[in-house]
Amino acid sequence: MPELDGKVAIVTGAGRLRGIGRGTAVAFARLGADVVLTGTGRSPDRYPSDEKAVGWRDIESTAEQVRTEGTRALPLVVDVANAESVQQMVERTIAEFGRIDILVNNAAYARGPDRVPITEVPEDIFRRVLDVKITGTYLCVKAVAPHMIEQGGGKIVNISSGSGKTGSANNLAYCAACFAQVGMTQSLAHELGPYNINVNCVCPGAVDTSRVDDVGRGDAWQRIADNLPIRRTGTDDEVGEFVAYLCTEAASWIHGQSINMDGGGTMVH
């Protein structure tokens, strides 16, 4: 039987064609899990050109990829920073699948208006970046944890970033949010470990997703790759497969960790 057969996973922020959420959802399906996929319900006119070219339909298309692997999918439009929306997500999951075994907090505010000097960061943008990543993680864990405790265990993976390990200029809001997720992971690991709930965090570096399309794929992107010891950037599928591994019993001794996944870009104690 597949490693996660009979398990149910929730993956937030899973509507992008090139995205860690999609890669994670498909990786779970390959291991036998049913998957709940959340997205923001973004308008098709905001899709990047590659999504438009293939007729991508946000979380509905990710759900199709999950079903192709032979498991069930439930796509939901959810605002992870809204308690009522998150509670509805959990209720729909329980009603559809009867359990929740895995939660992946992947949702994040889109890059762009926050990547400016601190003197130019709009307050509403700063708050929204933190709301999606920090408040979203808090609300999702708060809503899901009771079900995991009642079931006798579970797995939680927070998707932070290299920006949660090393600060950089013109990146204040995202750094704050990602550093917070690392601390939240450690706190939750202490609190939920006794209930057989593994909590870990993955900190990806340069991953080729639509999130970083503003960087382009020309010389600037190549310089990023050339500066890594492995001399290439990562893929959403690579990150997704590692997240799925952390949710298997083989990884049950890994707990409270924030793991760099960046081609060797960060090598520190």
Protein backbone atom coordinates (compact mmCIF):
# COMPACT_ATOMS: atom_id res chain seq x y z
CA MET A 1 0.00 0.00 0.00
CA PRO A 2 1.18 3.57 -0.61
CA GLU A 3 2.82 5.20 2.42
CA LEU A 4 -0.02 7.67 3.05
CA ASP A 5 -2.94 5.51 1.98
CA GLY A 6 -6.08 6.52 3.90
CA LYS A 7 -4.59 9.81 5.09
CA VAL A 8 -6.10 13.23 4.44
CA ALA A 9 -3.90 16.28 3.81
CA ILE A 10 -4.74 19.99 3.66
CA VAL A 11 -2.40 22.10 1.53
CA THR A 12 -2.94 25.86 1.52
CA GLY A 13 -1.88 28.02 -1.41
CA ALA A 14 -2.10 25.21 -3.95
CA GLY A 15 -3.54 26.88 -7.04
CA ARG A 16 -0.46 27.77 -9.07
CA LEU A 17 0.70 25.72 -12.06
CA ARG A 18 4.27 26.37 -10.99
CA GLY A 19 4.03 26.33 -7.22
CA ILE A 20 5.16 24.47 -4.12
CA GLY A 21 1.54 23.94 -3.06
CA ARG A 22 0.69 22.13 -6.30
CA GLY A 23 3.89 20.08 -6.16
CA THR A 24 3.15 19.09 -2.57
CA ALA A 25 -0.46 18.15 -3.27
CA VAL A 26 0.53 15.87 -6.16
CA ALA A 27 3.32 14.30 -4.08
CA PHE A 28 0.80 13.47 -1.35
CA ALA A 29 -1.54 11.92 -3.91
CA ARG A 30 1.25 9.73 -5.25
CA LEU A 31 1.70 8.40 -1.71
CA GLY A 32 -2.01 7.62 -1.48
CA ALA A 33 -3.41 10.61 0.43
CA ASP A 34 -6.64 12.43 -0.33
CA VAL A 35 -5.94 16.16 -0.58
CA VAL A 36 -7.80 19.36 0.27
CA LEU A 37 -6.44 22.25 -1.82
CA THR A 38 -6.98 25.90 -0.99
CA GLY A 39 -6.57 29.02 -3.09
CA THR A 40 -7.71 32.61 -3.04
CA GLY A 41 -10.06 32.39 -6.00
CA ARG A 42 -7.85 34.72 -8.04
CA SER A 43 -9.24 36.11 -11.27
CA PRO A 44 -8.04 34.42 -14.51
CA ASP A 45 -6.84 37.79 -15.81
CA ARG A 46 -4.14 37.63 -13.12
CA TYR A 47 -2.79 34.28 -14.30
CA PRO A 48 0.73 34.25 -15.78
CA SER A 49 1.03 33.54 -19.49
CA ASP A 50 1.92 29.85 -19.11
CA GLU A 51 -1.24 29.22 -17.07
CA LYS A 52 -3.38 31.03 -19.62
CA ALA A 53 -1.78 29.06 -22.45
CA VAL A 54 -2.79 25.69 -21.00
CA GLY A 55 -6.21 26.75 -19.75
CA TRP A 56 -5.19 26.48 -16.10
CA ARG A 57 -8.06 26.80 -13.61
CA ASP A 58 -6.28 27.43 -10.30
CA ILE A 59 -7.14 24.89 -7.57
CA GLU A 60 -9.52 23.05 -9.91
CA SER A 61 -6.58 22.14 -12.15
CA THR A 62 -4.44 21.07 -9.20
CA ALA A 63 -7.37 18.91 -8.07
CA GLU A 64 -7.38 17.24 -11.49
CA GLN A 65 -3.68 16.41 -11.13
CA VAL A 66 -4.36 14.89 -7.71
CA ARG A 67 -7.23 12.76 -9.05
CA THR A 68 -5.02 11.58 -11.91
CA GLU A 69 -2.84 9.95 -9.24
CA GLY A 70 -5.86 7.94 -8.08
CA THR A 71 -6.89 9.77 -4.92
CA ARG A 72 -9.64 12.24 -4.05
CA ALA A 73 -9.34 16.03 -4.09
CA LEU A 74 -11.41 18.82 -2.56
CA PRO A 75 -10.60 22.31 -3.93
CA LEU A 76 -11.72 25.18 -1.68
CA VAL A 77 -11.45 28.96 -1.88
CA VAL A 78 -10.16 30.00 1.55
CA ASP A 79 -8.80 33.16 3.15
CA VAL A 80 -6.38 31.64 5.64
CA ALA A 81 -6.19 34.94 7.53
CA ASN A 82 -9.93 34.79 8.27
CA ALA A 83 -11.00 32.57 11.18
CA GLU A 84 -14.46 31.87 9.80
CA SER A 85 -13.08 30.89 6.40
CA VAL A 86 -10.54 28.54 8.00
CA GLN A 87 -13.19 26.95 10.21
CA GLN A 88 -15.36 26.33 7.16
CA MET A 89 -12.37 24.69 5.46
CA VAL A 90 -11.97 22.30 8.38
CA GLU A 91 -15.69 21.54 8.56
CA ARG A 92 -15.83 20.82 4.81
CA THR A 93 -12.79 18.54 5.12
CA ILE A 94 -14.31 16.54 7.97
CA ALA A 95 -17.65 16.32 6.18
CA GLU A 96 -16.01 15.10 2.96
CA PHE A 97 -13.24 12.84 4.27
CA GLY A 98 -13.93 12.30 7.97
CA ARG A 99 -10.44 13.11 9.23
CA ILE A 100 -7.39 15.39 8.96
CA ASP A 101 -3.94 13.86 9.20
CA ILE A 102 -1.69 16.45 7.56
CA LEU A 103 -1.59 20.24 7.35
CA VAL A 104 0.82 22.14 5.11
CA ASN A 105 0.84 25.90 5.70
CA ASN A 106 2.08 27.09 2.32
CA ALA A 107 -0.08 30.15 1.59
CA ALA A 108 1.81 33.44 1.21
CA TYR A 109 1.07 36.94 -0.04
CA ALA A 110 2.28 37.62 -3.58
CA ARG A 111 5.68 39.21 -4.03
CA GLY A 112 5.91 42.76 -5.32
CA PRO A 113 4.66 45.80 -3.41
CA ASP A 114 6.43 44.66 -0.22
CA ARG A 115 9.88 44.36 -1.85
CA VAL A 116 10.87 48.00 -1.41
CA PRO A 117 12.82 50.02 1.19
CA ILE A 118 11.14 50.16 4.60
CA THR A 119 10.35 53.85 4.14
CA GLU A 120 8.23 52.92 1.12
CA VAL A 121 6.39 49.83 2.39
CA PRO A 122 2.65 50.60 2.65
CA GLU A 123 1.27 49.69 6.07
CA ASP A 124 -1.63 47.70 4.63
CA ILE A 125 0.78 45.60 2.52
CA PHE A 126 3.04 44.97 5.53
CA ARG A 127 0.08 43.81 7.58
CA ARG A 128 -1.27 41.60 4.80
CA VAL A 129 2.08 39.82 4.29
CA LEU A 130 2.14 38.98 8.01
CA ASP A 131 -1.56 38.16 8.10
CA VAL A 132 -1.40 35.51 5.40
CA LYS A 133 1.72 33.76 6.62
CA ILE A 134 1.63 34.24 10.41
CA THR A 135 -2.07 34.63 11.20
CA GLY A 136 -2.85 32.03 8.54
CA THR A 137 -0.52 29.49 10.14
CA TYR A 138 -1.95 30.25 13.60
CA LEU A 139 -5.57 29.92 12.50
CA CYS A 140 -5.04 26.76 10.46
CA VAL A 141 -3.12 24.98 13.23
CA LYS A 142 -5.61 26.11 15.86
CA ALA A 143 -8.51 24.71 13.81
CA VAL A 144 -6.82 21.46 12.79
CA ALA A 145 -4.94 20.48 15.96
CA PRO A 146 -7.99 19.31 17.96
CA HIS A 147 -8.84 16.80 15.24
CA MET A 148 -5.27 15.50 15.12
CA ILE A 149 -5.17 15.20 18.91
CA GLU A 150 -8.46 13.28 18.93
CA GLN A 151 -7.16 10.95 16.20
CA GLY A 152 -3.95 10.27 18.10
CA GLY A 153 -1.47 12.15 15.91
CA GLY A 154 -0.71 14.01 12.74
CA LYS A 155 1.83 15.97 10.72
CA ILE A 156 2.21 19.74 10.29
CA VAL A 157 4.67 21.32 7.87
CA ASN A 158 5.13 25.09 7.62
CA ILE A 159 6.62 26.46 4.42
CA SER A 160 8.94 29.32 5.35
CA SER A 161 11.91 30.42 3.22
CA GLY A 162 15.60 31.16 3.23
CA SER A 163 14.27 34.59 4.18
CA GLY A 164 13.31 32.99 7.49
CA LYS A 165 16.97 32.24 8.20
CA THR A 166 18.85 35.21 6.72
CA GLY A 167 17.60 38.78 6.45
CA SER A 168 17.98 40.87 3.33
CA ALA A 169 17.36 44.46 2.28
CA ASN A 170 13.99 45.54 0.87
CA ASN A 171 12.41 42.38 2.25
CA LEU A 172 11.27 43.36 5.74
CA ALA A 173 7.70 42.07 5.79
CA TYR A 174 8.49 38.69 4.24
CA CYS A 175 11.55 38.20 6.44
CA ALA A 176 9.46 39.00 9.50
CA ALA A 177 6.78 36.53 8.47
CA CYS A 178 9.22 33.76 7.59
CA PHE A 179 11.34 34.18 10.74
CA ALA A 180 8.10 34.02 12.73
CA GLN A 181 7.16 30.72 11.12
CA VAL A 182 10.46 29.21 12.24
CA GLY A 183 9.74 30.26 15.84
CA MET A 184 6.14 29.09 15.61
CA THR A 185 7.36 25.71 14.38
CA GLN A 186 9.56 25.28 17.45
CA SER A 187 6.80 26.37 19.84
CA LEU A 188 4.26 24.06 18.22
CA ALA A 189 6.73 21.17 18.24
CA HIS A 190 7.10 21.48 22.02
CA GLU A 191 3.35 21.80 22.51
CA LEU A 192 2.03 19.19 20.08
CA GLY A 193 4.84 16.62 20.18
CA PRO A 194 3.37 14.87 23.24
CA TYR A 195 0.21 14.25 21.18
CA ASN A 196 2.20 12.43 18.48
CA ILE A 197 1.96 15.41 16.12
CA ASN A 198 5.15 16.08 14.19
CA VAL A 199 5.76 19.75 13.39
CA ASN A 200 8.48 20.84 11.00
CA CYS A 201 9.32 23.71 8.69
CA VAL A 202 10.86 23.75 5.22
CA CYS A 203 12.87 26.80 4.13
CA PRO A 204 13.24 26.75 0.33
CA GLY A 205 15.68 28.97 -1.51
CA ALA A 206 15.44 29.84 -5.20
CA VAL A 207 12.67 27.62 -6.55
CA ASP A 208 11.43 28.07 -10.12
CA THR A 209 7.81 29.02 -9.41
CA SER A 210 5.51 31.76 -10.66
CA ARG A 211 6.03 33.50 -7.32
CA VAL A 212 9.45 34.71 -8.46
CA ASP A 213 8.55 35.59 -12.05
CA ASP A 214 9.36 39.22 -11.27
CA VAL A 215 13.04 38.20 -11.14
CA GLY A 216 12.80 36.91 -14.71
CA ARG A 217 14.59 33.85 -16.11
CA GLY A 218 17.47 35.65 -17.78
CA ASP A 219 20.85 36.75 -16.46
CA ALA A 220 19.59 37.59 -12.96
CA TRP A 221 18.13 34.12 -12.49
CA GLN A 222 21.25 32.48 -13.90
CA ARG A 223 23.42 34.44 -11.45
CA ILE A 224 21.34 33.03 -8.60
CA ALA A 225 21.96 29.50 -9.89
CA ASP A 226 25.66 30.12 -10.49
CA ASN A 227 26.11 31.30 -6.90
CA LEU A 228 24.78 28.03 -5.48
CA PRO A 229 27.20 25.15 -4.81
CA ILE A 230 24.97 22.82 -6.82
CA ARG A 231 24.80 25.39 -9.68
CA ARG A 232 21.06 25.20 -10.26
CA THR A 233 17.79 26.36 -8.77
CA GLY A 234 15.12 24.06 -7.39
CA THR A 235 11.71 22.90 -8.61
CA ASP A 236 8.29 22.86 -7.00
CA ASP A 237 8.15 19.07 -7.37
CA GLU A 238 11.44 18.64 -5.48
CA VAL A 239 10.16 20.67 -2.55
CA GLY A 240 6.78 18.96 -2.67
CA GLU A 241 8.29 15.49 -2.55
CA PHE A 242 10.40 16.44 0.46
CA VAL A 243 7.39 17.89 2.28
CA ALA A 244 5.51 14.65 1.59
CA TYR A 245 8.44 12.65 2.97
CA LEU A 246 8.31 14.65 6.21
CA CYS A 247 4.71 13.46 6.57
CA THR A 248 5.59 9.75 6.39
CA GLU A 249 6.39 7.52 9.34
CA ALA A 250 9.96 7.21 8.04
CA ALA A 251 10.44 10.87 9.08
CA SER A 252 8.65 10.67 12.43
CA TRP A 253 11.90 11.28 14.38
CA ILE A 254 12.38 14.60 12.59
CA HIS A 255 10.60 17.13 14.79
CA GLY A 256 10.76 20.87 15.43
CA GLN A 257 13.22 21.43 12.61
CA SER A 258 13.42 24.23 10.05
CA ILE A 259 15.21 22.59 7.17
CA ASN A 260 17.04 24.55 4.48
CA MET A 261 16.32 23.34 0.96
CA ASP A 262 18.32 25.63 -1.27
CA GLY A 263 21.02 23.83 -3.21
CA GLY A 264 23.59 24.53 -0.52
CA GLY A 265 23.03 28.27 -0.44
CA THR A 266 22.80 28.21 3.37
CA MET A 267 25.30 26.11 5.28
CA VAL A 268 25.36 27.05 8.94
CA HIS A 269 25.03 25.40 12.34
